[in-house]
Amino acid sequence: KRSSRSNSELRREYEERTHKNKASFKQRIDSKNHRHDRLRCPFALTETRYLYTVPLSYVYTGGAVYFHGSPRGYKSECFQRTNKTSFSIVGQSQVVPTVRANNFQSVLIWGRLHIVTDIAEKLSALRALAEKYSRGIPDNEEEIQHSLNYVFMVKLVPDWITGKRAALEVREAAEKL
């Protein structure tokens, strides 16, 4: 059922709820009596009933997915509130007009988040991220060493991983484009 409210009204309501809930989360986290079971995952905040999604730089190494970022901000606050999440990766997406379909490959990972505090593990993950996103840049190691003590690192340990791809008919049609 579609809402009769405009997009701007819905956005305003969302922003108001988000602002109020940021304070609410902080109060609950600071309280000795906060309830972790009401906080689900960093991408789905139950108090607002809106999903919070954010693109992330990631690397899969050693059987886990590593994310990095600033130790401050909404994303890191969300990561610190829960340990259950899911993560989606779209490795390929190509519209194939002749069959009115999408030639895609995707992976979905369900698992538990862990804040990485071990310096050796963080160093290994940062090097893997640099290899993936900045291969061949001369000062990678210098930047890694510089950021090692302040970068916020989270690892997603998979409980299960599933994948999906387009039907054979779609993949074959895509090859002809």
Protein backbone atom coordinates (compact mmCIF):
# COMPACT_ATOMS: atom_id res chain seq x y z
CA LYS A 1 0.00 0.00 0.00
CA ARG A 2 1.47 3.34 -1.05
CA SER A 3 1.54 6.22 1.37
CA SER A 4 -0.37 9.35 0.44
CA ARG A 5 2.46 11.44 1.91
CA SER A 6 5.00 13.04 -0.39
CA ASN A 7 8.63 11.95 -0.56
CA SER A 8 9.70 15.18 1.14
CA GLU A 9 7.29 14.53 4.03
CA LEU A 10 8.59 10.97 4.41
CA ARG A 11 12.21 12.17 4.29
CA ARG A 12 11.50 14.89 6.89
CA GLU A 13 9.88 12.31 9.17
CA TYR A 14 12.83 9.96 8.70
CA GLU A 15 15.36 12.70 9.50
CA GLU A 16 13.42 13.73 12.62
CA ARG A 17 13.21 10.14 13.83
CA THR A 18 16.88 9.53 13.05
CA HIS A 19 17.94 12.67 14.95
CA LYS A 20 15.79 11.73 17.97
CA ASN A 21 16.95 8.13 17.88
CA LYS A 22 20.64 9.05 17.76
CA ALA A 23 20.17 10.72 21.14
CA SER A 24 18.06 7.78 22.31
CA PHE A 25 20.74 5.27 21.27
CA LYS A 26 23.46 7.28 23.02
CA GLN A 27 21.39 7.45 26.22
CA ARG A 28 20.72 3.72 26.07
CA ILE A 29 24.36 2.84 25.38
CA ASP A 30 25.51 5.10 28.23
CA SER A 31 22.92 3.64 30.61
CA LYS A 32 23.73 0.60 32.72
CA ASN A 33 20.29 -0.80 31.92
CA HIS A 34 20.39 -0.63 28.11
CA ARG A 35 18.96 -3.58 26.18
CA HIS A 36 21.18 -4.95 23.42
CA ASP A 37 18.40 -7.24 22.17
CA ARG A 38 16.43 -4.25 20.81
CA LEU A 39 19.33 -3.22 18.57
CA ARG A 40 19.40 -5.55 15.60
CA CYS A 41 22.12 -4.73 13.08
CA PRO A 42 23.94 -1.70 11.72
CA PHE A 43 21.83 -1.67 8.57
CA ALA A 44 18.43 -2.11 10.21
CA LEU A 45 17.74 0.10 13.17
CA THR A 46 14.47 -1.10 14.66
CA GLU A 47 13.58 2.09 16.49
CA THR A 48 13.29 4.06 13.24
CA ARG A 49 11.86 1.19 11.18
CA TYR A 50 14.13 2.28 8.36
CA LEU A 51 17.13 0.41 7.02
CA TYR A 52 20.44 2.19 7.19
CA THR A 53 22.58 1.11 4.28
CA VAL A 54 25.97 2.43 3.38
CA PRO A 55 28.49 1.48 0.69
CA LEU A 56 31.67 0.07 2.19
CA SER A 57 35.17 -0.66 1.05
CA TYR A 58 35.76 -4.26 2.01
CA VAL A 59 38.11 -7.16 1.55
CA TYR A 60 37.50 -10.87 2.02
CA THR A 61 40.58 -12.54 3.51
CA GLY A 62 41.25 -15.30 5.98
CA GLY A 63 37.61 -16.43 5.92
CA ALA A 64 36.23 -13.04 7.04
CA VAL A 65 35.11 -9.75 5.50
CA TYR A 66 36.95 -6.66 6.77
CA PHE A 67 35.59 -3.08 6.70
CA HIS A 68 37.42 0.04 7.80
CA GLY A 69 36.63 3.67 8.49
CA SER A 70 36.65 6.41 11.04
CA PRO A 71 36.23 5.54 14.72
CA ARG A 72 33.60 8.31 14.93
CA GLY A 73 30.38 8.71 13.06
CA TYR A 74 27.08 6.99 12.54
CA LYS A 75 28.50 3.94 10.74
CA SER A 76 30.95 3.10 13.53
CA GLU A 77 28.24 3.74 16.15
CA CYS A 78 26.01 1.24 14.36
CA PHE A 79 28.80 -1.35 14.15
CA GLN A 80 29.36 -1.06 17.89
CA ARG A 81 25.69 -1.64 18.78
CA THR A 82 25.28 -5.17 17.50
CA ASN A 83 27.10 -8.18 16.22
CA LYS A 84 24.56 -9.65 13.75
CA THR A 85 24.28 -8.41 10.20
CA SER A 86 24.12 -9.32 6.55
CA PHE A 87 26.27 -7.99 3.76
CA SER A 88 25.53 -8.03 0.04
CA ILE A 89 28.04 -7.89 -2.80
CA VAL A 90 27.00 -7.43 -6.41
CA GLY A 91 29.90 -8.64 -8.50
CA GLN A 92 28.27 -8.10 -11.86
CA SER A 93 25.13 -6.42 -13.16
CA GLN A 94 24.32 -5.93 -16.82
CA VAL A 95 20.91 -5.20 -18.31
CA VAL A 96 20.17 -7.52 -21.25
CA PRO A 97 17.33 -5.84 -23.18
CA THR A 98 16.80 -8.73 -25.62
CA VAL A 99 15.57 -11.01 -22.83
CA ARG A 100 14.26 -8.24 -20.55
CA ALA A 101 16.48 -9.38 -17.72
CA ASN A 102 19.65 -8.63 -15.79
CA ASN A 103 22.85 -10.66 -16.11
CA PHE A 104 24.04 -10.59 -12.51
CA GLN A 105 26.15 -12.33 -9.92
CA SER A 106 25.72 -11.63 -6.23
CA VAL A 107 26.74 -12.92 -2.83
CA LEU A 108 24.94 -12.52 0.49
CA ILE A 109 26.78 -13.08 3.74
CA TRP A 110 25.09 -13.45 7.12
CA GLY A 111 27.35 -13.30 10.13
CA ARG A 112 28.61 -11.64 13.24
CA LEU A 113 30.65 -8.46 13.52
CA HIS A 114 33.78 -8.18 15.63
CA ILE A 115 35.72 -4.98 16.25
CA VAL A 116 39.35 -5.68 15.38
CA THR A 117 41.68 -4.59 18.17
CA ASP A 118 44.64 -6.91 17.51
CA ILE A 119 47.30 -4.80 15.77
CA ALA A 120 48.69 -7.69 13.68
CA GLU A 121 45.22 -8.60 12.40
CA LYS A 122 44.41 -4.95 11.66
CA LEU A 123 47.72 -4.55 9.83
CA SER A 124 47.04 -7.65 7.73
CA ALA A 125 43.52 -6.43 6.85
CA LEU A 126 44.77 -2.93 5.94
CA ARG A 127 47.42 -4.44 3.67
CA ALA A 128 44.76 -6.62 1.99
CA LEU A 129 42.54 -3.54 1.49
CA ALA A 130 45.47 -1.60 0.01
CA GLU A 131 46.27 -4.48 -2.32
CA LYS A 132 42.65 -4.59 -3.49
CA TYR A 133 42.00 -0.86 -3.88
CA SER A 134 45.44 0.81 -4.22
CA ARG A 135 47.70 -1.77 -5.81
CA GLY A 136 50.95 -0.26 -7.02
CA ILE A 137 50.69 3.02 -5.09
CA PRO A 138 54.21 3.68 -3.74
CA ASP A 139 53.30 5.01 -0.28
CA ASN A 140 50.71 2.35 0.68
CA GLU A 141 52.80 0.95 3.51
CA GLU A 142 53.55 4.43 4.85
CA GLU A 143 49.82 5.28 4.89
CA ILE A 144 48.96 1.94 6.51
CA GLN A 145 51.49 2.52 9.30
CA HIS A 146 50.25 6.09 9.75
CA SER A 147 46.59 5.05 10.06
CA LEU A 148 47.11 1.83 12.04
CA ASN A 149 46.44 3.31 15.48
CA TYR A 150 43.36 5.35 14.63
CA VAL A 151 41.53 3.48 11.88
CA PHE A 152 38.36 1.68 12.96
CA MET A 153 38.36 -1.93 11.70
CA VAL A 154 35.48 -4.38 11.84
CA LYS A 155 35.42 -7.97 10.67
CA LEU A 156 32.35 -9.92 9.62
CA VAL A 157 32.74 -13.60 10.42
CA PRO A 158 30.28 -15.49 8.20
CA ASP A 159 27.69 -17.82 9.68
CA TRP A 160 26.71 -18.66 6.11
CA ILE A 161 27.29 -17.42 2.59
CA THR A 162 25.00 -17.82 -0.39
CA GLY A 163 25.31 -16.72 -3.99
CA LYS A 164 23.11 -16.28 -7.00
CA ARG A 165 23.54 -15.60 -10.69
CA ALA A 166 21.38 -15.01 -13.72
CA ALA A 167 19.82 -17.93 -15.58
CA LEU A 168 21.85 -19.53 -18.36
CA GLU A 169 19.57 -18.02 -21.02
CA VAL A 170 20.33 -14.51 -19.73
CA ARG A 171 24.09 -15.14 -19.49
CA GLU A 172 24.17 -16.47 -23.07
CA ALA A 173 22.16 -13.49 -24.36
CA ALA A 174 24.57 -11.13 -22.56
CA GLU A 175 27.54 -12.70 -24.39
CA LYS A 176 25.97 -11.69 -27.71
CA LEU A 177 25.76 -7.99 -26.79
